[in-house]
Amino acid sequence: MNEHKSAGVCGLNHITLAVADVQRSVTFYRDVLGCSVRALWNDGAYLEAGTLWLCLSRDDLVRTSPHPDYTHFAFSVPDGEFAEISARLREACKVWKNNISEGASIYFLDPDGHKLEVHVGDIETRLAHYRSDSSKGVQVFDD
């Protein structure tokens, strides 16, 4: 599958989320998730979470309930901080899914119903899990 590497994307540049109330969303992402606010204007904000650039953009067509599919965004958190942030999230948010995958995770909704996750681990820990447990039928490709 990885036999040919061609020119292409080199990473995720940013994520933009449509929000009904910019200040409410900034407060959530800053105070509950711990993102850094980098810019703020009437209809939007730029925040950082590690190397992730997150844009919040006010939109009159923002969703009124979570999208029914599994699509979501996952934020990384160090193992030693998971219990604290998980407790904050359980207090402040609706949990939309129980974790059944490798690694500690909590799946929650932001104030506008976007499906989010906080996860301990990275792609290497996930691939190591599948290398050690072939029962799921996942084919792992190593460079």
N, C-alpha and C. Protein backbone atom coordinates (compact mmCIF):
# COMPACT_ATOMS: atom_id res chain seq x y z
N MET A 1 0.81 -1.19 0.00
CA MET A 1 0.00 0.00 0.00
C MET A 1 0.86 1.25 0.00
N ASN A 2 2.00 1.24 0.69
CA ASN A 2 2.87 2.41 0.77
C ASN A 2 4.03 2.33 -0.20
N GLU A 3 3.90 1.54 -1.28
CA GLU A 3 5.02 1.35 -2.20
C GLU A 3 5.45 2.64 -2.88
N HIS A 4 4.51 3.51 -3.17
CA HIS A 4 4.82 4.73 -3.93
C HIS A 4 4.41 5.95 -3.12
N LYS A 5 5.38 6.78 -2.82
CA LYS A 5 5.08 8.03 -2.12
C LYS A 5 5.22 9.17 -3.10
N SER A 6 4.12 9.87 -3.34
CA SER A 6 4.15 11.01 -4.25
C SER A 6 3.99 12.29 -3.46
N ALA A 7 4.20 13.40 -4.15
CA ALA A 7 4.00 14.70 -3.52
C ALA A 7 2.56 14.79 -3.04
N GLY A 8 2.37 15.38 -1.90
CA GLY A 8 1.02 15.49 -1.37
C GLY A 8 1.01 16.33 -0.11
N VAL A 9 -0.05 16.20 0.63
CA VAL A 9 -0.16 17.00 1.84
C VAL A 9 0.90 16.57 2.85
N CYS A 10 1.28 17.51 3.71
CA CYS A 10 2.31 17.22 4.70
C CYS A 10 1.79 17.34 6.12
N GLY A 11 0.50 17.57 6.27
CA GLY A 11 -0.08 17.67 7.61
C GLY A 11 -1.40 18.38 7.56
N LEU A 12 -2.00 18.49 8.71
CA LEU A 12 -3.27 19.19 8.83
C LEU A 12 -2.98 20.65 9.14
N ASN A 13 -3.50 21.56 8.33
CA ASN A 13 -3.22 22.97 8.50
C ASN A 13 -4.06 23.58 9.60
N HIS A 14 -5.39 23.48 9.51
CA HIS A 14 -6.26 23.98 10.56
C HIS A 14 -7.63 23.35 10.44
N ILE A 15 -8.41 23.47 11.48
CA ILE A 15 -9.80 23.02 11.50
C ILE A 15 -10.65 24.25 11.81
N THR A 16 -11.71 24.44 11.04
CA THR A 16 -12.66 25.52 11.29
C THR A 16 -13.98 24.90 11.73
N LEU A 17 -14.50 25.37 12.84
CA LEU A 17 -15.79 24.92 13.34
C LEU A 17 -16.76 26.09 13.32
N ALA A 18 -17.94 25.87 12.76
CA ALA A 18 -19.00 26.87 12.78
C ALA A 18 -19.61 26.88 14.18
N VAL A 19 -19.76 28.07 14.75
CA VAL A 19 -20.30 28.20 16.10
C VAL A 19 -21.40 29.27 16.12
N ALA A 20 -22.33 29.11 17.04
CA ALA A 20 -23.42 30.08 17.17
C ALA A 20 -23.00 31.30 17.97
N ASP A 21 -22.13 31.10 18.96
CA ASP A 21 -21.72 32.17 19.88
C ASP A 21 -20.22 32.06 20.08
N VAL A 22 -19.48 32.98 19.48
CA VAL A 22 -18.02 32.92 19.52
C VAL A 22 -17.51 32.95 20.96
N GLN A 23 -18.00 33.88 21.78
CA GLN A 23 -17.48 34.00 23.14
C GLN A 23 -17.75 32.73 23.96
N ARG A 24 -18.93 32.15 23.80
CA ARG A 24 -19.25 30.90 24.51
C ARG A 24 -18.28 29.80 24.10
N SER A 25 -18.00 29.71 22.81
CA SER A 25 -17.09 28.67 22.32
C SER A 25 -15.65 28.94 22.74
N VAL A 26 -15.22 30.19 22.68
CA VAL A 26 -13.87 30.53 23.15
C VAL A 26 -13.72 30.14 24.62
N THR A 27 -14.71 30.48 25.43
CA THR A 27 -14.67 30.13 26.85
C THR A 27 -14.55 28.61 27.03
N PHE A 28 -15.32 27.85 26.28
CA PHE A 28 -15.25 26.38 26.37
C PHE A 28 -13.87 25.87 25.97
N TYR A 29 -13.40 26.25 24.79
CA TYR A 29 -12.13 25.72 24.29
C TYR A 29 -10.94 26.20 25.14
N ARG A 30 -11.02 27.39 25.68
CA ARG A 30 -9.95 27.91 26.53
C ARG A 30 -10.02 27.31 27.93
N ASP A 31 -11.17 27.41 28.58
CA ASP A 31 -11.27 27.05 30.00
C ASP A 31 -11.47 25.57 30.26
N VAL A 32 -12.17 24.88 29.38
CA VAL A 32 -12.41 23.44 29.60
C VAL A 32 -11.33 22.60 28.95
N LEU A 33 -10.98 22.91 27.70
CA LEU A 33 -9.97 22.12 27.01
C LEU A 33 -8.54 22.63 27.18
N GLY A 34 -8.39 23.89 27.56
CA GLY A 34 -7.05 24.43 27.78
C GLY A 34 -6.35 24.95 26.54
N CYS A 35 -7.10 25.27 25.48
CA CYS A 35 -6.50 25.85 24.28
C CYS A 35 -6.04 27.28 24.56
N SER A 36 -5.07 27.73 23.79
CA SER A 36 -4.59 29.12 23.89
C SER A 36 -5.29 29.97 22.85
N VAL A 37 -5.81 31.11 23.28
CA VAL A 37 -6.45 32.04 22.35
C VAL A 37 -5.35 32.87 21.69
N ARG A 38 -5.30 32.85 20.35
CA ARG A 38 -4.27 33.57 19.61
C ARG A 38 -4.81 34.82 18.93
N ALA A 39 -6.10 34.84 18.57
CA ALA A 39 -6.71 36.00 17.94
C ALA A 39 -8.21 35.93 18.18
N LEU A 40 -8.83 37.11 18.29
CA LEU A 40 -10.27 37.18 18.55
C LEU A 40 -10.84 38.37 17.80
N TRP A 41 -11.98 38.18 17.14
CA TRP A 41 -12.69 39.25 16.48
C TRP A 41 -14.18 38.97 16.63
N ASN A 42 -15.04 39.89 16.18
CA ASN A 42 -16.48 39.77 16.41
C ASN A 42 -17.06 38.43 15.98
N ASP A 43 -16.65 37.93 14.82
CA ASP A 43 -17.24 36.72 14.28
C ASP A 43 -16.31 35.52 14.29
N GLY A 44 -15.25 35.56 15.10
CA GLY A 44 -14.37 34.40 15.09
C GLY A 44 -13.22 34.49 16.06
N ALA A 45 -12.45 33.42 16.06
CA ALA A 45 -11.28 33.33 16.93
C ALA A 45 -10.32 32.29 16.37
N TYR A 46 -9.05 32.47 16.65
CA TYR A 46 -8.02 31.47 16.38
C TYR A 46 -7.51 30.99 17.73
N LEU A 47 -7.45 29.67 17.88
CA LEU A 47 -6.91 29.08 19.09
C LEU A 47 -5.85 28.06 18.71
N GLU A 48 -5.02 27.70 19.67
CA GLU A 48 -4.02 26.65 19.47
C GLU A 48 -4.19 25.59 20.54
N ALA A 49 -4.03 24.35 20.10
CA ALA A 49 -3.96 23.20 21.00
C ALA A 49 -2.73 22.42 20.55
N GLY A 50 -1.62 22.60 21.25
CA GLY A 50 -0.37 22.02 20.76
C GLY A 50 -0.02 22.65 19.43
N THR A 51 0.09 21.83 18.40
CA THR A 51 0.39 22.35 17.06
C THR A 51 -0.86 22.54 16.22
N LEU A 52 -2.04 22.26 16.78
CA LEU A 52 -3.28 22.41 16.03
C LEU A 52 -3.74 23.86 16.05
N TRP A 53 -4.07 24.37 14.88
CA TRP A 53 -4.67 25.70 14.72
C TRP A 53 -6.16 25.46 14.55
N LEU A 54 -6.94 25.99 15.48
CA LEU A 54 -8.38 25.84 15.49
C LEU A 54 -9.03 27.19 15.25
N CYS A 55 -9.90 27.26 14.24
CA CYS A 55 -10.63 28.48 13.94
C CYS A 55 -12.09 28.28 14.35
N LEU A 56 -12.62 29.21 15.11
CA LEU A 56 -14.04 29.24 15.45
C LEU A 56 -14.65 30.36 14.63
N SER A 57 -15.69 30.06 13.88
CA SER A 57 -16.29 31.03 12.99
C SER A 57 -17.80 31.10 13.22
N ARG A 58 -18.29 32.30 13.59
CA ARG A 58 -19.73 32.45 13.83
C ARG A 58 -20.48 32.21 12.55
N ASP A 59 -21.57 31.43 12.66
CA ASP A 59 -22.34 31.06 11.49
C ASP A 59 -23.81 30.96 11.88
N ASP A 60 -24.68 31.56 11.08
CA ASP A 60 -26.12 31.48 11.36
C ASP A 60 -26.68 30.09 11.07
N LEU A 61 -25.96 29.28 10.33
CA LEU A 61 -26.43 27.95 9.97
C LEU A 61 -25.82 26.85 10.82
N VAL A 62 -25.34 27.19 12.00
CA VAL A 62 -24.70 26.21 12.86
C VAL A 62 -25.68 25.09 13.21
N ARG A 63 -25.16 23.90 13.39
CA ARG A 63 -26.00 22.75 13.70
C ARG A 63 -26.77 22.95 15.00
N THR A 64 -27.87 22.28 15.12
CA THR A 64 -28.67 22.36 16.35
C THR A 64 -28.62 21.05 17.13
N SER A 65 -28.00 20.03 16.54
CA SER A 65 -27.80 18.75 17.23
C SER A 65 -26.60 18.06 16.60
N PRO A 66 -26.01 17.10 17.29
CA PRO A 66 -24.84 16.42 16.73
C PRO A 66 -25.17 15.70 15.43
N HIS A 67 -24.23 15.69 14.51
CA HIS A 67 -24.39 14.93 13.28
C HIS A 67 -24.46 13.45 13.66
N PRO A 68 -25.32 12.66 13.02
CA PRO A 68 -25.54 11.29 13.47
C PRO A 68 -24.39 10.31 13.21
N ASP A 69 -23.43 10.65 12.35
CA ASP A 69 -22.37 9.68 12.06
C ASP A 69 -21.24 9.76 13.09
N TYR A 70 -20.21 8.95 12.88
CA TYR A 70 -19.10 8.82 13.82
C TYR A 70 -18.02 9.89 13.64
N THR A 71 -18.12 10.74 12.64
CA THR A 71 -17.10 11.76 12.39
C THR A 71 -16.88 12.61 13.64
N HIS A 72 -15.61 12.77 14.02
CA HIS A 72 -15.27 13.58 15.18
C HIS A 72 -13.80 13.99 15.10
N PHE A 73 -13.41 14.92 15.95
CA PHE A 73 -12.03 15.37 16.05
C PHE A 73 -11.50 14.95 17.41
N ALA A 74 -10.26 14.44 17.43
CA ALA A 74 -9.66 13.98 18.68
C ALA A 74 -8.46 14.86 19.03
N PHE A 75 -8.44 15.32 20.26
CA PHE A 75 -7.32 16.09 20.80
C PHE A 75 -6.44 15.16 21.62
N SER A 76 -5.14 15.36 21.57
CA SER A 76 -4.19 14.59 22.37
C SER A 76 -4.07 15.17 23.76
N VAL A 77 -3.89 14.31 24.73
CA VAL A 77 -3.64 14.74 26.11
C VAL A 77 -2.63 13.77 26.71
N PRO A 78 -1.67 14.27 27.49
CA PRO A 78 -0.72 13.37 28.16
C PRO A 78 -1.44 12.47 29.16
N ASP A 79 -0.95 11.26 29.30
CA ASP A 79 -1.56 10.28 30.20
C ASP A 79 -1.76 10.84 31.61
N GLY A 80 -0.77 11.57 32.11
CA GLY A 80 -0.84 12.11 33.47
C GLY A 80 -1.89 13.20 33.66
N GLU A 81 -2.43 13.74 32.57
CA GLU A 81 -3.45 14.79 32.66
C GLU A 81 -4.84 14.31 32.29
N PHE A 82 -4.96 13.03 31.86
CA PHE A 82 -6.24 12.54 31.38
C PHE A 82 -7.32 12.56 32.46
N ALA A 83 -7.02 12.12 33.66
CA ALA A 83 -8.05 12.06 34.72
C ALA A 83 -8.62 13.44 35.00
N GLU A 84 -7.75 14.45 35.09
CA GLU A 84 -8.21 15.80 35.39
C GLU A 84 -9.08 16.37 34.27
N ILE A 85 -8.62 16.27 33.03
CA ILE A 85 -9.41 16.83 31.94
C ILE A 85 -10.68 16.02 31.72
N SER A 86 -10.62 14.72 31.91
CA SER A 86 -11.81 13.88 31.77
C SER A 86 -12.88 14.28 32.79
N ALA A 87 -12.46 14.55 34.01
CA ALA A 87 -13.41 14.98 35.05
C ALA A 87 -14.03 16.33 34.68
N ARG A 88 -13.20 17.27 34.18
CA ARG A 88 -13.73 18.57 33.74
C ARG A 88 -14.74 18.41 32.63
N LEU A 89 -14.44 17.54 31.67
CA LEU A 89 -15.33 17.33 30.53
C LEU A 89 -16.64 16.68 30.96
N ARG A 90 -16.58 15.70 31.84
CA ARG A 90 -17.80 15.04 32.31
C ARG A 90 -18.71 16.03 33.05
N GLU A 91 -18.10 17.00 33.70
CA GLU A 91 -18.86 18.02 34.41
C GLU A 91 -19.48 19.05 33.45
N ALA A 92 -18.75 19.38 32.38
CA ALA A 92 -19.15 20.49 31.51
C ALA A 92 -19.86 20.07 30.22
N CYS A 93 -19.80 18.80 29.86
CA CYS A 93 -20.27 18.38 28.53
C CYS A 93 -21.11 17.13 28.58
N LYS A 94 -21.79 16.90 27.47
CA LYS A 94 -22.49 15.64 27.27
C LYS A 94 -21.51 14.65 26.65
N VAL A 95 -21.41 13.46 27.23
CA VAL A 95 -20.59 12.38 26.65
C VAL A 95 -21.46 11.67 25.61
N TRP A 96 -20.95 11.50 24.39
CA TRP A 96 -21.76 10.94 23.30
C TRP A 96 -21.41 9.50 22.96
N LYS A 97 -20.33 8.96 23.51
CA LYS A 97 -19.92 7.59 23.19
C LYS A 97 -19.03 7.08 24.31
N ASN A 98 -19.17 5.80 24.63
CA ASN A 98 -18.25 5.17 25.57
C ASN A 98 -17.03 4.68 24.83
N ASN A 99 -15.88 4.76 25.46
CA ASN A 99 -14.63 4.35 24.83
C ASN A 99 -14.53 2.83 24.78
N ILE A 100 -14.31 2.29 23.58
CA ILE A 100 -14.08 0.85 23.43
C ILE A 100 -12.79 0.59 22.65
N SER A 101 -12.02 1.64 22.36
CA SER A 101 -10.79 1.48 21.59
C SER A 101 -9.58 1.47 22.51
N GLU A 102 -8.44 1.25 21.91
CA GLU A 102 -7.16 1.26 22.62
C GLU A 102 -6.90 2.65 23.17
N GLY A 103 -6.38 2.73 24.38
CA GLY A 103 -6.01 4.02 24.97
C GLY A 103 -7.17 4.70 25.67
N ALA A 104 -6.84 5.50 26.64
CA ALA A 104 -7.86 6.24 27.39
C ALA A 104 -8.43 7.34 26.51
N SER A 105 -9.76 7.42 26.46
CA SER A 105 -10.45 8.43 25.67
C SER A 105 -11.75 8.82 26.34
N ILE A 106 -12.16 10.04 26.08
CA ILE A 106 -13.51 10.49 26.42
C ILE A 106 -14.06 11.20 25.19
N TYR A 107 -15.29 10.83 24.83
CA TYR A 107 -15.97 11.39 23.66
C TYR A 107 -17.04 12.34 24.17
N PHE A 108 -17.02 13.60 23.72
CA PHE A 108 -17.91 14.61 24.28
C PHE A 108 -18.34 15.59 23.20
N LEU A 109 -19.37 16.37 23.52
CA LEU A 109 -19.87 17.39 22.59
C LEU A 109 -19.44 18.77 23.06
N ASP A 110 -19.08 19.64 22.10
CA ASP A 110 -18.82 21.03 22.44
C ASP A 110 -20.16 21.78 22.53
N PRO A 111 -20.17 23.08 22.86
CA PRO A 111 -21.44 23.80 23.02
C PRO A 111 -22.33 23.82 21.78
N ASP A 112 -21.76 23.59 20.58
CA ASP A 112 -22.55 23.58 19.36
C ASP A 112 -22.85 22.17 18.85
N GLY A 113 -22.53 21.17 19.63
CA GLY A 113 -22.82 19.79 19.23
C GLY A 113 -21.79 19.14 18.34
N HIS A 114 -20.59 19.74 18.19
CA HIS A 114 -19.53 19.09 17.44
C HIS A 114 -19.01 17.91 18.26
N LYS A 115 -18.83 16.77 17.61
CA LYS A 115 -18.34 15.58 18.30
C LYS A 115 -16.82 15.66 18.42
N LEU A 116 -16.35 15.56 19.65
CA LEU A 116 -14.93 15.67 19.95
C LEU A 116 -14.50 14.50 20.84
N GLU A 117 -13.20 14.34 20.94
CA GLU A 117 -12.61 13.30 21.78
C GLU A 117 -11.31 13.84 22.36
N VAL A 118 -10.99 13.43 23.56
CA VAL A 118 -9.66 13.62 24.13
C VAL A 118 -9.09 12.23 24.28
N HIS A 119 -7.87 12.03 23.75
CA HIS A 119 -7.29 10.69 23.67
C HIS A 119 -5.85 10.68 24.16
N VAL A 120 -5.51 9.64 24.88
CA VAL A 120 -4.12 9.40 25.30
C VAL A 120 -3.51 8.43 24.29
N GLY A 121 -2.41 8.83 23.69
CA GLY A 121 -1.74 7.97 22.71
C GLY A 121 -1.63 8.68 21.38
N ASP A 122 -1.04 7.99 20.43
CA ASP A 122 -0.86 8.54 19.09
C ASP A 122 -0.97 7.41 18.09
N ILE A 123 -0.67 7.68 16.85
CA ILE A 123 -0.81 6.64 15.83
C ILE A 123 0.11 5.46 16.10
N GLU A 124 1.29 5.71 16.67
CA GLU A 124 2.21 4.61 16.94
C GLU A 124 1.68 3.68 18.03
N THR A 125 1.06 4.24 19.08
CA THR A 125 0.49 3.36 20.11
C THR A 125 -0.70 2.58 19.55
N ARG A 126 -1.48 3.20 18.66
CA ARG A 126 -2.61 2.51 18.05
C ARG A 126 -2.12 1.37 17.15
N LEU A 127 -1.10 1.64 16.33
CA LEU A 127 -0.57 0.60 15.44
C LEU A 127 0.07 -0.53 16.24
N ALA A 128 0.77 -0.19 17.32
CA ALA A 128 1.36 -1.23 18.18
C ALA A 128 0.27 -2.14 18.75
N HIS A 129 -0.85 -1.54 19.11
CA HIS A 129 -1.98 -2.32 19.62
C HIS A 129 -2.46 -3.32 18.57
N TYR A 130 -2.61 -2.87 17.33
CA TYR A 130 -3.07 -3.77 16.28
C TYR A 130 -2.02 -4.79 15.87
N ARG A 131 -0.75 -4.43 15.97
CA ARG A 131 0.31 -5.42 15.69
C ARG A 131 0.26 -6.55 16.71
N SER A 132 -0.04 -6.21 17.97
CA SER A 132 -0.05 -7.23 19.03
C SER A 132 -1.36 -7.99 19.12
N ASP A 133 -2.42 -7.50 18.46
CA ASP A 133 -3.72 -8.15 18.52
C ASP A 133 -4.30 -8.23 17.11
N SER A 134 -4.07 -9.36 16.47
CA SER A 134 -4.52 -9.52 15.07
C SER A 134 -5.99 -9.91 14.96
N SER A 135 -6.68 -10.04 16.07
CA SER A 135 -8.08 -10.50 16.03
C SER A 135 -9.01 -9.53 15.32
N LYS A 136 -8.65 -8.27 15.21
CA LYS A 136 -9.50 -7.28 14.54
C LYS A 136 -9.31 -7.25 13.03
N GLY A 137 -8.30 -7.96 12.53
CA GLY A 137 -8.07 -8.01 11.10
C GLY A 137 -7.52 -6.73 10.51
N VAL A 138 -6.82 -5.92 11.30
CA VAL A 138 -6.25 -4.66 10.81
C VAL A 138 -4.87 -4.95 10.22
N GLN A 139 -4.65 -4.55 8.97
CA GLN A 139 -3.35 -4.71 8.32
C GLN A 139 -2.56 -3.43 8.56
N VAL A 140 -1.42 -3.54 9.22
CA VAL A 140 -0.58 -2.39 9.54
C VAL A 140 0.56 -2.31 8.52
N PHE A 141 0.80 -1.11 8.01
CA PHE A 141 1.87 -0.88 7.04
C PHE A 141 3.02 -0.15 7.73
N ASP A 142 4.21 -0.72 7.65
CA ASP A 142 5.39 -0.08 8.22
C ASP A 142 6.23 0.46 7.07
N ASP A 143 6.83 1.65 7.32
CA ASP A 143 7.69 2.25 6.27
C ASP A 143 8.92 1.44 6.04
